[in-house]
Amino acid sequence: MTKAVFIIGNKRSGSTQLMHLLNLHPNIFVSNESDILWILYRFHNDLDIVPYKWDTPIGINRTLEKHKDLLSKDTF
């Protein structure tokens, strides 16, 4: 079972550096919180999951590649 942990920091607090360092480990994947929030917003509103118009698709595509299986509207 995949578990999610959210690490959010203020600007210039080192959260991006922490993300890059954690992504060096082969069993850990960290995405920008803005990508995750955009994916969840689109998913919740039954919209196609496409990159935000001012962002590059790299972060969203990588996040979906790794964890699209976690998006499910089925209830347990």
Protein backbone atom coordinates (compact mmCIF):
# COMPACT_ATOMS: atom_id res chain seq x y z
CA MET A 1 0.00 0.00 0.00
CA THR A 2 1.35 3.39 -1.00
CA LYS A 3 1.26 6.03 1.71
CA ALA A 4 1.26 9.75 1.07
CA VAL A 5 3.11 12.30 3.14
CA PHE A 6 2.70 16.01 2.50
CA ILE A 7 5.62 18.34 3.19
CA ILE A 8 4.72 21.96 2.72
CA GLY A 9 7.00 24.88 3.42
CA ASN A 10 7.13 28.63 3.06
CA LYS A 11 8.91 30.18 0.13
CA ARG A 12 12.70 30.08 0.48
CA SER A 13 12.46 27.57 3.34
CA GLY A 14 14.28 24.70 1.61
CA SER A 15 11.27 22.55 0.69
CA THR A 16 12.32 22.35 -2.98
CA GLN A 17 15.82 21.30 -1.98
CA LEU A 18 14.32 18.65 0.30
CA MET A 19 12.16 17.44 -2.61
CA HIS A 20 15.23 17.10 -4.85
CA LEU A 21 17.19 15.25 -2.16
CA LEU A 22 14.35 12.82 -1.41
CA ASN A 23 13.90 12.11 -5.13
CA LEU A 24 17.47 10.79 -5.22
CA HIS A 25 16.23 7.68 -3.40
CA PRO A 26 14.87 5.06 -5.83
CA ASN A 27 11.89 4.15 -3.62
CA ILE A 28 10.70 7.70 -2.97
CA PHE A 29 8.84 10.06 -5.28
CA VAL A 30 8.11 13.65 -4.35
CA SER A 31 6.10 16.08 -6.49
CA ASN A 32 5.49 19.78 -6.12
CA GLU A 33 2.42 20.49 -4.03
CA SER A 34 1.02 22.68 -6.81
CA ASP A 35 1.02 19.70 -9.21
CA ILE A 36 -0.74 17.48 -6.68
CA LEU A 37 -3.36 20.11 -5.83
CA TRP A 38 -4.07 20.74 -9.53
CA ILE A 39 -4.45 16.99 -10.22
CA LEU A 40 -6.81 16.57 -7.25
CA TYR A 41 -8.85 19.65 -8.25
CA ARG A 42 -9.29 18.38 -11.83
CA PHE A 43 -10.05 14.84 -10.66
CA HIS A 44 -12.60 15.94 -8.05
CA ASN A 45 -14.44 18.09 -10.61
CA ASP A 46 -14.48 15.32 -13.26
CA LEU A 47 -12.25 17.33 -15.60
CA ASP A 48 -9.51 15.98 -17.82
CA ILE A 49 -6.22 16.07 -15.99
CA VAL A 50 -4.11 18.41 -18.07
CA PRO A 51 -1.24 20.66 -16.99
CA TYR A 52 -2.03 24.12 -15.74
CA LYS A 53 -1.78 26.45 -18.74
CA TRP A 54 1.30 28.30 -17.44
CA ASP A 55 3.17 25.22 -16.24
CA THR A 56 5.25 22.72 -18.12
CA PRO A 57 3.74 19.21 -18.18
CA ILE A 58 6.83 17.56 -16.66
CA GLY A 59 5.70 17.50 -13.01
CA ILE A 60 2.11 16.47 -13.64
CA ASN A 61 3.07 13.81 -16.16
CA ARG A 62 5.66 12.32 -13.81
CA THR A 63 3.24 12.36 -10.88
CA LEU A 64 0.52 10.66 -12.93
CA GLU A 65 3.00 8.14 -14.32
CA LYS A 66 3.99 7.09 -10.81
CA HIS A 67 0.66 7.27 -8.98
CA LYS A 68 -2.36 7.49 -11.30
CA ASP A 69 -3.59 4.24 -9.74
CA LEU A 70 -4.31 6.18 -6.52
CA LEU A 71 -7.01 8.23 -8.26
CA SER A 72 -10.24 6.34 -7.73
CA LYS A 73 -13.74 7.45 -6.88
CA ASP A 74 -14.60 3.99 -5.58
CA THR A 75 -15.33 3.96 -1.88
CA PHE A 76 -14.16 1.20 0.40
